[in-house]
All heavy atoms as atom14 arrays in JSON, in Angstrom:
{
  "sequence": "NLGISTVYPLIIYIYKHVADDIQRLSFLKTIESYVVRRNICRLT",
  "atom14_mask": [
    [1, 1, 1, 1, 1, 1, 1, 1, 0, 0, 0, 0, 0, 0],
    [1, 1, 1, 1, 1, 1, 1, 1, 0, 0, 0, 0, 0, 0],
    [1, 1, 1, 1, 0, 0, 0, 0, 0, 0, 0, 0, 0, 0],
    [1, 1, 1, 1, 1, 1, 1, 1, 0, 0, 0, 0, 0, 0],
    [1, 1, 1, 1, 1, 1, 0, 0, 0, 0, 0, 0, 0, 0],
    [1, 1, 1, 1, 1, 1, 1, 0, 0, 0, 0, 0, 0, 0],
    [1, 1, 1, 1, 1, 1, 1, 0, 0, 0, 0, 0, 0, 0],
    [1, 1, 1, 1, 1, 1, 1, 1, 1, 1, 1, 1, 0, 0],
    [1, 1, 1, 1, 1, 1, 1, 0, 0, 0, 0, 0, 0, 0],
    [1, 1, 1, 1, 1, 1, 1, 1, 0, 0, 0, 0, 0, 0],
    [1, 1, 1, 1, 1, 1, 1, 1, 0, 0, 0, 0, 0, 0],
    [1, 1, 1, 1, 1, 1, 1, 1, 0, 0, 0, 0, 0, 0],
    [1, 1, 1, 1, 1, 1, 1, 1, 1, 1, 1, 1, 0, 0],
    [1, 1, 1, 1, 1, 1, 1, 1, 0, 0, 0, 0, 0, 0],
    [1, 1, 1, 1, 1, 1, 1, 1, 1, 1, 1, 1, 0, 0],
    [1, 1, 1, 1, 1, 1, 1, 1, 1, 0, 0, 0, 0, 0],
    [1, 1, 1, 1, 1, 1, 1, 1, 1, 1, 0, 0, 0, 0],
    [1, 1, 1, 1, 1, 1, 1, 0, 0, 0, 0, 0, 0, 0],
    [1, 1, 1, 1, 1, 0, 0, 0, 0, 0, 0, 0, 0, 0],
    [1, 1, 1, 1, 1, 1, 1, 1, 0, 0, 0, 0, 0, 0],
    [1, 1, 1, 1, 1, 1, 1, 1, 0, 0, 0, 0, 0, 0],
    [1, 1, 1, 1, 1, 1, 1, 1, 0, 0, 0, 0, 0, 0],
    [1, 1, 1, 1, 1, 1, 1, 1, 1, 0, 0, 0, 0, 0],
    [1, 1, 1, 1, 1, 1, 1, 1, 1, 1, 1, 0, 0, 0],
    [1, 1, 1, 1, 1, 1, 1, 1, 0, 0, 0, 0, 0, 0],
    [1, 1, 1, 1, 1, 1, 0, 0, 0, 0, 0, 0, 0, 0],
    [1, 1, 1, 1, 1, 1, 1, 1, 1, 1, 1, 0, 0, 0],
    [1, 1, 1, 1, 1, 1, 1, 1, 0, 0, 0, 0, 0, 0],
    [1, 1, 1, 1, 1, 1, 1, 1, 1, 0, 0, 0, 0, 0],
    [1, 1, 1, 1, 1, 1, 1, 0, 0, 0, 0, 0, 0, 0],
    [1, 1, 1, 1, 1, 1, 1, 1, 0, 0, 0, 0, 0, 0],
    [1, 1, 1, 1, 1, 1, 1, 1, 1, 0, 0, 0, 0, 0],
    [1, 1, 1, 1, 1, 1, 0, 0, 0, 0, 0, 0, 0, 0],
    [1, 1, 1, 1, 1, 1, 1, 1, 1, 1, 1, 1, 0, 0],
    [1, 1, 1, 1, 1, 1, 1, 0, 0, 0, 0, 0, 0, 0],
    [1, 1, 1, 1, 1, 1, 1, 0, 0, 0, 0, 0, 0, 0],
    [1, 1, 1, 1, 1, 1, 1, 1, 1, 1, 1, 0, 0, 0],
    [1, 1, 1, 1, 1, 1, 1, 1, 1, 1, 1, 0, 0, 0],
    [1, 1, 1, 1, 1, 1, 1, 1, 0, 0, 0, 0, 0, 0],
    [1, 1, 1, 1, 1, 1, 1, 1, 0, 0, 0, 0, 0, 0],
    [1, 1, 1, 1, 1, 1, 0, 0, 0, 0, 0, 0, 0, 0],
    [1, 1, 1, 1, 1, 1, 1, 1, 1, 1, 1, 0, 0, 0],
    [1, 1, 1, 1, 1, 1, 1, 1, 0, 0, 0, 0, 0, 0],
    [1, 1, 1, 1, 1, 1, 1, 0, 0, 0, 0, 0, 0, 0]
  ],
  "atom14_positions": [
    [[43.6, 100.81, -17.13], [42.8, 101.95, -16.7], [42.05, 101.71, -15.4], [41.66, 102.68, -14.73], [41.85, 102.36, -17.82], [42.58, 103.07, -18.94], [42.93, 104.24, -18.84], [42.84, 102.36, -20.03], [0.0, 0.0, 0.0], [0.0, 0.0, 0.0], [0.0, 0.0, 0.0], [0.0, 0.0, 0.0], [0.0, 0.0, 0.0], [0.0, 0.0, 0.0]],
    [[41.84, 100.46, -15.04], [41.25, 100.17, -13.73], [42.34, 99.92, -12.68], [42.04, 99.7, -11.51], [40.32, 98.96, -13.81], [39.06, 99.12, -14.67], [38.17, 97.88, -14.55], [38.27, 100.37, -14.3], [0.0, 0.0, 0.0], [0.0, 0.0, 0.0], [0.0, 0.0, 0.0], [0.0, 0.0, 0.0], [0.0, 0.0, 0.0], [0.0, 0.0, 0.0]],
    [[43.6, 99.94, -13.11], [44.73, 99.81, -12.18], [44.81, 98.44, -11.52], [45.11, 98.35, -10.32], [0.0, 0.0, 0.0], [0.0, 0.0, 0.0], [0.0, 0.0, 0.0], [0.0, 0.0, 0.0], [0.0, 0.0, 0.0], [0.0, 0.0, 0.0], [0.0, 0.0, 0.0], [0.0, 0.0, 0.0], [0.0, 0.0, 0.0], [0.0, 0.0, 0.0]],
    [[44.61, 97.37, -12.3], [44.64, 96.02, -11.71], [45.92, 95.31, -12.15], [45.89, 94.32, -12.89], [43.38, 95.22, -12.13], [42.12, 96.05, -11.84], [43.3, 93.9, -11.37], [40.84, 95.41, -12.31], [0.0, 0.0, 0.0], [0.0, 0.0, 0.0], [0.0, 0.0, 0.0], [0.0, 0.0, 0.0], [0.0, 0.0, 0.0], [0.0, 0.0, 0.0]],
    [[47.05, 95.8, -11.7], [48.34, 95.24, -12.1], [48.62, 93.9, -11.45], [49.45, 93.12, -11.95], [49.47, 96.22, -11.77], [49.49, 96.5, -10.38], [0.0, 0.0, 0.0], [0.0, 0.0, 0.0], [0.0, 0.0, 0.0], [0.0, 0.0, 0.0], [0.0, 0.0, 0.0], [0.0, 0.0, 0.0], [0.0, 0.0, 0.0], [0.0, 0.0, 0.0]],
    [[47.93, 93.58, -10.35], [48.17, 92.32, -9.65], [47.77, 91.09, -10.46], [48.12, 89.97, -10.11], [47.42, 92.29, -8.3], [46.07, 92.72, -8.52], [48.08, 93.22, -7.3], [0.0, 0.0, 0.0], [0.0, 0.0, 0.0], [0.0, 0.0, 0.0], [0.0, 0.0, 0.0], [0.0, 0.0, 0.0], [0.0, 0.0, 0.0], [0.0, 0.0, 0.0]],
    [[47.05, 91.3, -11.56], [46.65, 90.17, -12.41], [47.77, 89.73, -13.35], [47.72, 88.64, -13.92], [45.38, 90.53, -13.22], [45.71, 91.45, -14.38], [44.69, 89.27, -13.73], [0.0, 0.0, 0.0], [0.0, 0.0, 0.0], [0.0, 0.0, 0.0], [0.0, 0.0, 0.0], [0.0, 0.0, 0.0], [0.0, 0.0, 0.0], [0.0, 0.0, 0.0]],
    [[48.8, 90.55, -13.51], [49.84, 90.25, -14.49], [50.54, 88.91, -14.28], [50.81, 88.2, -15.28], [50.86, 91.38, -14.57], [50.43, 92.49, -15.5], [50.08, 93.75, -15.03], [50.35, 92.27, -16.88], [49.67, 94.75, -15.88], [49.94, 93.28, -17.74], [49.6, 94.51, -17.24], [49.19, 95.49, -18.11], [0.0, 0.0, 0.0], [0.0, 0.0, 0.0]],
    [[50.89, 88.51, -13.07], [51.53, 87.19, -12.92], [50.68, 86.05, -13.5], [51.21, 85.16, -14.16], [51.7, 87.04, -11.4], [51.82, 88.45, -10.91], [50.89, 89.25, -11.78], [0.0, 0.0, 0.0], [0.0, 0.0, 0.0], [0.0, 0.0, 0.0], [0.0, 0.0, 0.0], [0.0, 0.0, 0.0], [0.0, 0.0, 0.0], [0.0, 0.0, 0.0]],
    [[49.37, 86.1, -13.26], [48.5, 85.06, -13.81], [48.45, 85.12, -15.33], [48.51, 84.08, -16.01], [47.08, 85.21, -13.23], [46.02, 84.26, -13.8], [46.41, 82.8, -13.59], [44.65, 84.55, -13.17], [0.0, 0.0, 0.0], [0.0, 0.0, 0.0], [0.0, 0.0, 0.0], [0.0, 0.0, 0.0], [0.0, 0.0, 0.0], [0.0, 0.0, 0.0]],
    [[48.37, 86.32, -15.89], [48.31, 86.47, -17.35], [49.61, 85.97, -17.99], [49.59, 85.25, -19.0], [48.05, 87.93, -17.74], [46.74, 88.43, -17.13], [48.0, 88.08, -19.27], [45.55, 87.58, -17.44], [0.0, 0.0, 0.0], [0.0, 0.0, 0.0], [0.0, 0.0, 0.0], [0.0, 0.0, 0.0], [0.0, 0.0, 0.0], [0.0, 0.0, 0.0]],
    [[50.74, 86.31, -17.4], [52.02, 85.85, -17.92], [52.1, 84.34, -17.86], [52.55, 83.68, -18.81], [53.19, 86.49, -17.13], [53.22, 88.0, -17.38], [54.52, 85.87, -17.54], [54.18, 88.74, -16.45], [0.0, 0.0, 0.0], [0.0, 0.0, 0.0], [0.0, 0.0, 0.0], [0.0, 0.0, 0.0], [0.0, 0.0, 0.0], [0.0, 0.0, 0.0]],
    [[51.65, 83.76, -16.76], [51.65, 82.31, -16.6], [50.79, 81.65, -17.67], [51.19, 80.64, -18.28], [51.14, 81.95, -15.2], [51.21, 80.48, -14.87], [52.37, 79.91, -14.34], [50.1, 79.65, -15.09], [52.43, 78.55, -14.04], [50.15, 78.31, -14.79], [51.31, 77.75, -14.26], [51.37, 76.4, -13.97], [0.0, 0.0, 0.0], [0.0, 0.0, 0.0]],
    [[49.62, 82.2, -17.93], [48.72, 81.65, -18.94], [49.37, 81.73, -20.32], [49.35, 80.76, -21.1], [47.37, 82.39, -18.94], [46.57, 82.03, -17.66], [46.54, 82.06, -20.19], [45.37, 82.91, -17.4], [0.0, 0.0, 0.0], [0.0, 0.0, 0.0], [0.0, 0.0, 0.0], [0.0, 0.0, 0.0], [0.0, 0.0, 0.0], [0.0, 0.0, 0.0]],
    [[49.97, 82.86, -20.65], [50.6, 83.02, -21.96], [51.78, 82.06, -22.14], [52.06, 81.64, -23.26], [51.06, 84.46, -22.15], [50.0, 85.37, -22.76], [48.81, 85.6, -22.09], [50.2, 85.96, -23.99], [47.84, 86.43, -22.63], [49.23, 86.78, -24.56], [48.05, 87.01, -23.87], [47.08, 87.81, -24.42], [0.0, 0.0, 0.0], [0.0, 0.0, 0.0]],
    [[52.45, 81.73, -21.05], [53.58, 80.8, -21.15], [53.1, 79.38, -21.41], [53.74, 78.63, -22.16], [54.42, 80.84, -19.87], [55.67, 79.95, -19.93], [56.48, 80.09, -18.64], [57.82, 79.37, -18.75], [57.71, 77.93, -18.96], [0.0, 0.0, 0.0], [0.0, 0.0, 0.0], [0.0, 0.0, 0.0], [0.0, 0.0, 0.0], [0.0, 0.0, 0.0]],
    [[51.99, 78.99, -20.8], [51.57, 77.59, -20.84], [50.41, 77.31, -21.8], [50.09, 76.14, -22.03], [51.18, 77.13, -19.43], [52.34, 77.13, -18.47], [53.26, 76.11, -18.44], [52.71, 78.03, -17.54], [54.17, 76.38, -17.51], [53.85, 77.53, -16.95], [0.0, 0.0, 0.0], [0.0, 0.0, 0.0], [0.0, 0.0, 0.0], [0.0, 0.0, 0.0]],
    [[49.8, 78.36, -22.34], [48.71, 78.18, -23.3], [49.11, 78.84, -24.61], [49.17, 80.07, -24.7], [47.39, 78.8, -22.78], [46.28, 78.63, -23.8], [47.0, 78.18, -21.44], [0.0, 0.0, 0.0], [0.0, 0.0, 0.0], [0.0, 0.0, 0.0], [0.0, 0.0, 0.0], [0.0, 0.0, 0.0], [0.0, 0.0, 0.0], [0.0, 0.0, 0.0]],
    [[49.4, 78.02, -25.62], [49.93, 78.56, -26.88], [48.83, 79.0, -27.85], [49.05, 79.9, -28.65], [50.81, 77.5, -27.56], [0.0, 0.0, 0.0], [0.0, 0.0, 0.0], [0.0, 0.0, 0.0], [0.0, 0.0, 0.0], [0.0, 0.0, 0.0], [0.0, 0.0, 0.0], [0.0, 0.0, 0.0], [0.0, 0.0, 0.0], [0.0, 0.0, 0.0]],
    [[47.66, 78.39, -27.75], [46.59, 78.67, -28.7], [45.96, 80.04, -28.43], [45.51, 80.33, -27.31], [45.52, 77.59, -28.6], [44.43, 77.77, -29.62], [44.64, 77.38, -30.78], [43.37, 78.33, -29.26], [0.0, 0.0, 0.0], [0.0, 0.0, 0.0], [0.0, 0.0, 0.0], [0.0, 0.0, 0.0], [0.0, 0.0, 0.0], [0.0, 0.0, 0.0]],
    [[45.91, 80.89, -29.46], [45.4, 82.26, -29.28], [43.94, 82.29, -28.87], [43.53, 83.12, -28.05], [45.59, 83.05, -30.58], [47.04, 83.39, -30.85], [47.84, 83.38, -29.9], [47.39, 83.67, -32.02], [0.0, 0.0, 0.0], [0.0, 0.0, 0.0], [0.0, 0.0, 0.0], [0.0, 0.0, 0.0], [0.0, 0.0, 0.0], [0.0, 0.0, 0.0]],
    [[43.13, 81.41, -29.44], [41.7, 81.39, -29.11], [41.5, 81.0, -27.65], [40.66, 81.59, -26.95], [40.95, 80.42, -30.06], [41.01, 80.94, -31.5], [39.5, 80.25, -29.61], [40.39, 80.02, -32.52], [0.0, 0.0, 0.0], [0.0, 0.0, 0.0], [0.0, 0.0, 0.0], [0.0, 0.0, 0.0], [0.0, 0.0, 0.0], [0.0, 0.0, 0.0]],
    [[42.26, 80.01, -27.18], [42.16, 79.62, -25.77], [42.61, 80.76, -24.87], [42.0, 81.0, -23.82], [43.01, 78.38, -25.53], [42.45, 77.11, -26.16], [43.27, 75.88, -25.83], [43.87, 75.8, -24.76], [43.3, 74.93, -26.74], [0.0, 0.0, 0.0], [0.0, 0.0, 0.0], [0.0, 0.0, 0.0], [0.0, 0.0, 0.0], [0.0, 0.0, 0.0]],
    [[43.67, 81.45, -25.26], [44.13, 82.58, -24.46], [43.04, 83.64, -24.32], [42.8, 84.17, -23.23], [45.37, 83.22, -25.09], [46.66, 82.44, -24.91], [47.79, 83.18, -25.61], [49.08, 82.54, -25.42], [50.21, 82.97, -25.96], [50.2, 84.04, -26.76], [51.35, 82.33, -25.73], [0.0, 0.0, 0.0], [0.0, 0.0, 0.0], [0.0, 0.0, 0.0]],
    [[42.37, 83.93, -25.43], [41.31, 84.93, -25.38], [40.17, 84.5, -24.46], [39.54, 85.33, -23.8], [40.78, 85.2, -26.79], [41.68, 86.0, -27.72], [41.02, 86.19, -29.08], [42.05, 87.35, -27.11], [0.0, 0.0, 0.0], [0.0, 0.0, 0.0], [0.0, 0.0, 0.0], [0.0, 0.0, 0.0], [0.0, 0.0, 0.0], [0.0, 0.0, 0.0]],
    [[39.91, 83.2, -24.4], [38.88, 82.71, -23.49], [39.26, 82.99, -22.04], [38.4, 83.37, -21.23], [38.67, 81.2, -23.7], [38.17, 80.93, -24.97], [0.0, 0.0, 0.0], [0.0, 0.0, 0.0], [0.0, 0.0, 0.0], [0.0, 0.0, 0.0], [0.0, 0.0, 0.0], [0.0, 0.0, 0.0], [0.0, 0.0, 0.0], [0.0, 0.0, 0.0]],
    [[40.52, 82.8, -21.71], [41.0, 83.15, -20.37], [40.82, 84.65, -20.11], [40.34, 85.05, -19.05], [42.48, 82.78, -20.22], [42.75, 81.33, -19.93], [43.08, 80.46, -20.93], [42.68, 80.85, -18.63], [43.34, 79.12, -20.67], [42.94, 79.51, -18.34], [43.27, 78.65, -19.37], [0.0, 0.0, 0.0], [0.0, 0.0, 0.0], [0.0, 0.0, 0.0]],
    [[41.24, 85.47, -21.07], [41.17, 86.93, -20.9], [39.72, 87.38, -20.71], [39.44, 88.24, -19.87], [41.79, 87.64, -22.09], [43.28, 87.43, -22.35], [43.78, 88.35, -23.45], [44.12, 87.62, -21.09], [0.0, 0.0, 0.0], [0.0, 0.0, 0.0], [0.0, 0.0, 0.0], [0.0, 0.0, 0.0], [0.0, 0.0, 0.0], [0.0, 0.0, 0.0]],
    [[38.8, 86.82, -21.49], [37.39, 87.21, -21.38], [36.83, 86.87, -20.01], [36.07, 87.66, -19.43], [36.58, 86.54, -22.48], [36.84, 87.09, -23.88], [36.04, 86.32, -24.92], [36.33, 86.81, -26.33], [35.6, 86.03, -27.36], [0.0, 0.0, 0.0], [0.0, 0.0, 0.0], [0.0, 0.0, 0.0], [0.0, 0.0, 0.0], [0.0, 0.0, 0.0]],
    [[37.2, 85.71, -19.47], [36.72, 85.32, -18.14], [37.26, 86.26, -17.08], [36.51, 86.73, -16.21], [37.12, 83.87, -17.83], [36.46, 82.99, -18.74], [36.75, 83.49, -16.4], [0.0, 0.0, 0.0], [0.0, 0.0, 0.0], [0.0, 0.0, 0.0], [0.0, 0.0, 0.0], [0.0, 0.0, 0.0], [0.0, 0.0, 0.0], [0.0, 0.0, 0.0]],
    [[38.55, 86.54, -17.13], [39.16, 87.43, -16.14], [38.61, 88.84, -16.28], [38.32, 89.52, -15.28], [40.69, 87.42, -16.28], [41.24, 86.03, -15.98], [41.33, 88.45, -15.35], [42.69, 85.83, -16.35], [0.0, 0.0, 0.0], [0.0, 0.0, 0.0], [0.0, 0.0, 0.0], [0.0, 0.0, 0.0], [0.0, 0.0, 0.0], [0.0, 0.0, 0.0]],
    [[38.42, 89.28, -17.52], [37.84, 90.62, -17.75], [36.45, 90.71, -17.13], [36.14, 91.69, -16.45], [37.78, 90.9, -19.25], [37.2, 92.26, -19.58], [37.09, 92.51, -21.08], [37.96, 92.01, -21.84], [36.13, 93.17, -21.49], [0.0, 0.0, 0.0], [0.0, 0.0, 0.0], [0.0, 0.0, 0.0], [0.0, 0.0, 0.0], [0.0, 0.0, 0.0]],
    [[35.63, 89.72, -17.36], [34.27, 89.74, -16.8], [34.33, 89.79, -15.27], [33.56, 90.52, -14.63], [33.49, 88.5, -17.24], [33.17, 88.57, -18.61], [0.0, 0.0, 0.0], [0.0, 0.0, 0.0], [0.0, 0.0, 0.0], [0.0, 0.0, 0.0], [0.0, 0.0, 0.0], [0.0, 0.0, 0.0], [0.0, 0.0, 0.0], [0.0, 0.0, 0.0]],
    [[35.23, 89.02, -14.71], [35.36, 88.95, -13.26], [35.74, 90.31, -12.67], [35.07, 90.82, -11.75], [36.39, 87.9, -12.89], [36.67, 87.76, -11.41], [35.78, 87.09, -10.58], [37.82, 88.32, -10.85], [36.04, 86.96, -9.21], [38.08, 88.2, -9.49], [37.18, 87.53, -8.68], [37.44, 87.41, -7.33], [0.0, 0.0, 0.0], [0.0, 0.0, 0.0]],
    [[36.79, 90.92, -13.18], [37.28, 92.17, -12.58], [36.34, 93.33, -12.88], [36.16, 94.23, -12.04], [38.73, 92.5, -13.01], [39.69, 91.41, -12.54], [38.86, 92.72, -14.51], [0.0, 0.0, 0.0], [0.0, 0.0, 0.0], [0.0, 0.0, 0.0], [0.0, 0.0, 0.0], [0.0, 0.0, 0.0], [0.0, 0.0, 0.0], [0.0, 0.0, 0.0]],
    [[35.72, 93.35, -14.06], [34.82, 94.46, -14.39], [33.54, 94.37, -13.57], [33.05, 95.37, -13.05], [34.51, 94.5, -15.89], [33.42, 95.52, -16.18], [35.77, 94.86, -16.68], [0.0, 0.0, 0.0], [0.0, 0.0, 0.0], [0.0, 0.0, 0.0], [0.0, 0.0, 0.0], [0.0, 0.0, 0.0], [0.0, 0.0, 0.0], [0.0, 0.0, 0.0]],
    [[32.96, 93.19, -13.46], [31.76, 93.04, -12.63], [32.03, 93.47, -11.19], [31.2, 94.15, -10.57], [31.28, 91.58, -12.66], [30.46, 91.2, -13.89], [30.12, 89.72, -13.86], [29.21, 89.34, -14.93], [27.95, 88.95, -14.76], [27.43, 88.87, -13.56], [27.2, 88.61, -15.79], [0.0, 0.0, 0.0], [0.0, 0.0, 0.0], [0.0, 0.0, 0.0]],
    [[33.17, 93.08, -10.68], [33.5, 93.47, -9.31], [33.71, 94.98, -9.23], [33.35, 95.61, -8.23], [34.75, 92.72, -8.83], [34.48, 91.24, -8.53], [35.73, 90.55, -7.96], [36.22, 91.2, -6.76], [35.75, 90.99, -5.53], [34.77, 90.1, -5.35], [36.25, 91.62, -4.49], [0.0, 0.0, 0.0], [0.0, 0.0, 0.0], [0.0, 0.0, 0.0]],
    [[34.27, 95.57, -10.26], [34.48, 97.01, -10.26], [33.14, 97.74, -10.29], [32.94, 98.72, -9.55], [35.33, 97.41, -11.47], [35.7, 98.87, -11.44], [34.93, 99.72, -11.87], [36.87, 99.18, -10.93], [0.0, 0.0, 0.0], [0.0, 0.0, 0.0], [0.0, 0.0, 0.0], [0.0, 0.0, 0.0], [0.0, 0.0, 0.0], [0.0, 0.0, 0.0]],
    [[32.23, 97.29, -11.13], [30.91, 97.9, -11.18], [30.21, 97.82, -9.82], [29.56, 98.77, -9.39], [30.05, 97.2, -12.27], [30.59, 97.53, -13.67], [28.58, 97.61, -12.15], [29.97, 96.69, -14.78], [0.0, 0.0, 0.0], [0.0, 0.0, 0.0], [0.0, 0.0, 0.0], [0.0, 0.0, 0.0], [0.0, 0.0, 0.0], [0.0, 0.0, 0.0]],
    [[30.38, 96.69, -9.14], [29.75, 96.49, -7.83], [30.55, 97.13, -6.69], [30.16, 97.02, -5.52], [29.57, 95.0, -7.57], [28.38, 94.2, -8.67], [0.0, 0.0, 0.0], [0.0, 0.0, 0.0], [0.0, 0.0, 0.0], [0.0, 0.0, 0.0], [0.0, 0.0, 0.0], [0.0, 0.0, 0.0], [0.0, 0.0, 0.0], [0.0, 0.0, 0.0]],
    [[31.65, 97.78, -7.03], [32.51, 98.49, -6.08], [33.04, 97.54, -5.0], [33.1, 97.87, -3.82], [31.76, 99.66, -5.42], [31.07, 100.61, -6.37], [31.97, 101.11, -7.51], [33.18, 101.74, -7.04], [34.39, 101.5, -7.56], [34.55, 100.63, -8.54], [35.44, 102.11, -7.08], [0.0, 0.0, 0.0], [0.0, 0.0, 0.0], [0.0, 0.0, 0.0]],
    [[33.45, 96.35, -5.41], [34.03, 95.37, -4.49], [35.54, 95.54, -4.45], [36.17, 95.94, -5.43], [33.65, 93.95, -4.94], [32.16, 93.64, -4.88], [31.86, 92.27, -5.47], [31.62, 93.71, -3.45], [0.0, 0.0, 0.0], [0.0, 0.0, 0.0], [0.0, 0.0, 0.0], [0.0, 0.0, 0.0], [0.0, 0.0, 0.0], [0.0, 0.0, 0.0]],
    [[36.12, 95.2, -3.34], [37.54, 95.46, -3.09], [38.47, 94.69, -4.03], [38.14, 93.58, -4.48], [37.9, 95.12, -1.63], [39.27, 95.45, -1.39], [37.67, 93.64, -1.33], [0.0, 0.0, 0.0], [0.0, 0.0, 0.0], [0.0, 0.0, 0.0], [0.0, 0.0, 0.0], [0.0, 0.0, 0.0], [0.0, 0.0, 0.0], [0.0, 0.0, 0.0]]
  ]
}
């Protein structure tokens, strides 16, 4: 919904090399915080 498709290569890479679901979620939470904070601040 924020139209951030450029993150998909990184997410696919993480899912390939990180098998543990809890660790994967930690990656997703960090990336989510990063892109949402930047979106709120209207950064490019």
